[in-house]
C-alpha atoms as a PDB file:
ATOM      1  CA  MET A   1      -0.146  -2.292 -15.047  1.00  0.00           C
ATOM      2  CA  GLY A   2       1.632  -5.340 -13.573  1.00  0.00           C
ATOM      3  CA  ALA A   3       3.821  -5.646 -16.656  1.00  0.00           C
ATOM      4  CA  VAL A   4       4.905  -2.060 -16.398  1.00  0.00           C
ATOM      5  CA  LEU A   5       5.869  -2.475 -12.776  1.00  0.00           C
ATOM      6  CA  SER A   6       7.479  -5.872 -13.148  1.00  0.00           C
ATOM      7  CA  SER A   7      10.642  -4.290 -14.619  1.00  0.00           C
ATOM      8  CA  LEU A   8      11.261  -2.502 -11.388  1.00  0.00           C
ATOM      9  CA  SER A   9      13.162  -4.377  -8.703  1.00  0.00           C
ATOM     10  CA  PRO A  10      11.566  -4.808  -5.254  1.00  0.00           C
ATOM     11  CA  GLY A  11      14.277  -2.422  -3.769  1.00  0.00           C
ATOM     12  CA  LEU A  12      13.629   0.280  -6.372  1.00  0.00           C
ATOM     13  CA  ARG A  13       9.838  -0.050  -5.834  1.00  0.00           C
ATOM     14  CA  TRP A  14      10.385   0.441  -2.031  1.00  0.00           C
ATOM     15  CA  MET A  15      12.447   3.606  -2.747  1.00  0.00           C
ATOM     16  CA  LEU A  16       9.799   4.930  -5.097  1.00  0.00           C
ATOM     17  CA  ALA A  17       6.950   4.191  -2.601  1.00  0.00           C
ATOM     18  CA  GLY A  18       8.870   6.041   0.058  1.00  0.00           C
ATOM     19  CA  LEU A  19       9.764   9.010  -2.000  1.00  0.00           C
ATOM     20  CA  GLY A  20       6.494   9.216  -3.869  1.00  0.00           C
ATOM     21  CA  SER A  21       4.527   9.180  -0.610  1.00  0.00           C
ATOM     22  CA  GLN A  22       6.486  11.977   0.960  1.00  0.00           C
ATOM     23  CA  GLU A  23       6.999  14.469  -1.891  1.00  0.00           C
ATOM     24  CA  ALA A  24       5.820  15.529  -5.344  1.00  0.00           C
ATOM     25  CA  PHE A  25       6.595  12.883  -7.935  1.00  0.00           C
ATOM     26  CA  GLY A  26       8.822  15.267  -9.948  1.00  0.00           C
ATOM     27  CA  GLN A  27      10.825  15.994  -6.835  1.00  0.00           C
ATOM     28  CA  ALA A  28      11.007  12.223  -6.037  1.00  0.00           C
ATOM     29  CA  ARG A  29      12.245  11.615  -9.557  1.00  0.00           C
ATOM     30  CA  MET A  30      15.032  14.118  -9.073  1.00  0.00           C
ATOM     31  CA  ASP A  31      15.917  12.828  -5.637  1.00  0.00           C
ATOM     32  CA  LEU A  32      16.162   9.244  -6.938  1.00  0.00           C
ATOM     33  CA  ALA A  33      18.404  10.366  -9.804  1.00  0.00           C
ATOM     34  CA  LYS A  34      20.646  12.292  -7.408  1.00  0.00           C
ATOM     35  CA  LEU A  35      20.881   9.716  -4.548  1.00  0.00           C
ATOM     36  CA  ALA A  36      20.804   6.418  -6.527  1.00  0.00           C
ATOM     37  CA  GLY A  37      21.797   7.459 -10.005  1.00  0.00           C
ATOM     38  CA  ILE A  38      18.595   6.004 -11.442  1.00  0.00           C
ATOM     39  CA  PRO A  39      16.827   8.154 -14.048  1.00  0.00           C
ATOM     40  CA  LEU A  40      13.149   7.726 -14.214  1.00  0.00           C
ATOM     41  CA  THR A  41      10.317   9.980 -15.316  1.00  0.00           C
ATOM     42  CA  GLY A  42       7.947  11.666 -12.856  1.00  0.00           C
ATOM     43  CA  LYS A  43       5.109   9.707 -14.453  1.00  0.00           C
ATOM     44  CA  ARG A  44       6.976   6.361 -13.794  1.00  0.00           C
ATOM     45  CA  VAL A  45       7.443   7.399 -10.172  1.00  0.00           C
ATOM     46  CA  ARG A  46       3.741   8.236  -9.889  1.00  0.00           C
ATOM     47  CA  ARG A  47       2.559   4.962 -11.453  1.00  0.00           C
ATOM     48  CA  SER A  48       4.764   2.856  -9.249  1.00  0.00           C
ATOM     49  CA  SER A  49       3.875   4.832  -6.057  1.00  0.00           C
ATOM     50  CA  GLU A  50       0.211   4.755  -6.798  1.00  0.00           C
ATOM     51  CA  ALA A  51       0.093   1.046  -7.665  1.00  0.00           C
ATOM     52  CA  ASP A  52       1.931   0.173  -4.467  1.00  0.00           C
ATOM     53  CA  GLY A  53      -0.343   2.494  -2.433  1.00  0.00           C
ATOM     54  CA  GLU A  54      -3.397   0.760  -3.928  1.00  0.00           C
ATOM     55  CA  ARG A  55      -2.007  -2.681  -3.170  1.00  0.00           C
ATOM     56  CA  VAL A  56      -1.476  -1.671   0.424  1.00  0.00           C
ATOM     57  CA  ARG A  57      -4.999  -0.235   0.661  1.00  0.00           C
ATOM     58  CA  LEU A  58      -6.446  -3.499  -0.597  1.00  0.00           C
ATOM     59  CA  GLU A  59      -4.429  -5.612   1.860  1.00  0.00           C
ATOM     60  CA  VAL A  60      -5.617  -3.321   4.822  1.00  0.00           C
ATOM     61  CA  ALA A  61      -9.202  -3.517   3.727  1.00  0.00           C
ATOM     62  CA  SER A  62      -9.017  -7.303   3.422  1.00  0.00           C
ATOM     63  CA  SER A  63      -7.303  -7.573   6.825  1.00  0.00           C
ATOM     64  CA  ALA A  64     -10.021  -5.327   8.391  1.00  0.00           C
ATOM     65  CA  GLN A  65     -12.754  -7.533   6.938  1.00  0.00           C
ATOM     66  CA  THR A  66     -11.041 -10.712   8.148  1.00  0.00           C
ATOM     67  CA  ALA A  67     -10.718  -9.250  11.699  1.00  0.00           C
ATOM     68  CA  CYS A  68     -14.430  -8.400  11.705  1.00  0.00           C
ATOM     69  CA  ARG A  69     -15.256 -11.965  11.021  1.00  0.00           C
ATOM     70  CA  GLN A  70     -13.021 -13.431  13.772  1.00  0.00           C
ATOM     71  CA  PRO A  71     -14.883 -15.079  16.608  1.00  0.00           C
ATOM     72  CA  ARG A  72     -14.412 -13.565  20.085  1.00  0.00           C
ATOM     73  CA  ARG A  73     -15.098 -14.724  23.625  1.00  0.00           C
ATOM     74  CA  VAL A  74     -18.345 -13.612  25.165  1.00  0.00           C
ATOM     75  CA  GLY A  75     -18.742 -13.758  28.908  1.00  0.00           C
ATOM     76  CA  ILE A  76     -17.578 -17.000  30.656  1.00  0.00           C
ATOM     77  CA  LYS A  77     -18.764 -19.238  27.995  1.00  0.00           C
ATOM     78  CA  ILE A  78     -17.149 -19.190  24.603  1.00  0.00           C
ATOM     79  CA  GLY A  79     -19.634 -17.915  22.087  1.00  0.00           C
ATOM     80  CA  ILE A  80     -19.314 -16.522  18.626  1.00  0.00           C
ATOM     81  CA  SER A  81     -20.296 -13.050  17.897  1.00  0.00           C
ATOM     82  CA  TYR A  82     -19.345 -10.807  14.995  1.00  0.00           C
ATOM     83  CA  ARG A  83     -18.120  -7.176  15.201  1.00  0.00           C
ATOM     84  CA  PRO A  84     -20.172  -5.001  12.932  1.00  0.00           C
ATOM     85  CA  CYS A  85     -18.141  -3.841  10.014  1.00  0.00           C
ATOM     86  CA  SER A  86     -18.946  -1.282   7.445  1.00  0.00           C
ATOM     87  CA  PRO A  87     -16.730  -1.421   4.375  1.00  0.00           C
ATOM     88  CA  SER A  88     -14.025   1.253   4.228  1.00  0.00           C
ATOM     89  CA  SER A  89     -15.529   3.340   6.940  1.00  0.00           C
ATOM     90  CA  ASP A  90     -12.471   3.053   9.039  1.00  0.00           C
ATOM     91  CA  LEU A  91      -9.980   3.296   6.120  1.00  0.00           C
END
């Protein structure tokens, strides 16, 4: 999948992620062609949008798990406690 997406510039991937998250992939394809003059298939728009969405989902999940392991102050003394986390329950 990375090889397929590597031929898209970061700016084009950004446009595809925005369009693909807001409307049907076929409509996003037509809007991209009309606004930027870049012809892509609806399938290509979908693959790029979904891959970037999955990348964001994994980053958010990783950040949430890291935050759950961070020590926090307890009372006047500094102690270490851990917030209970359940994987993907808040995602």
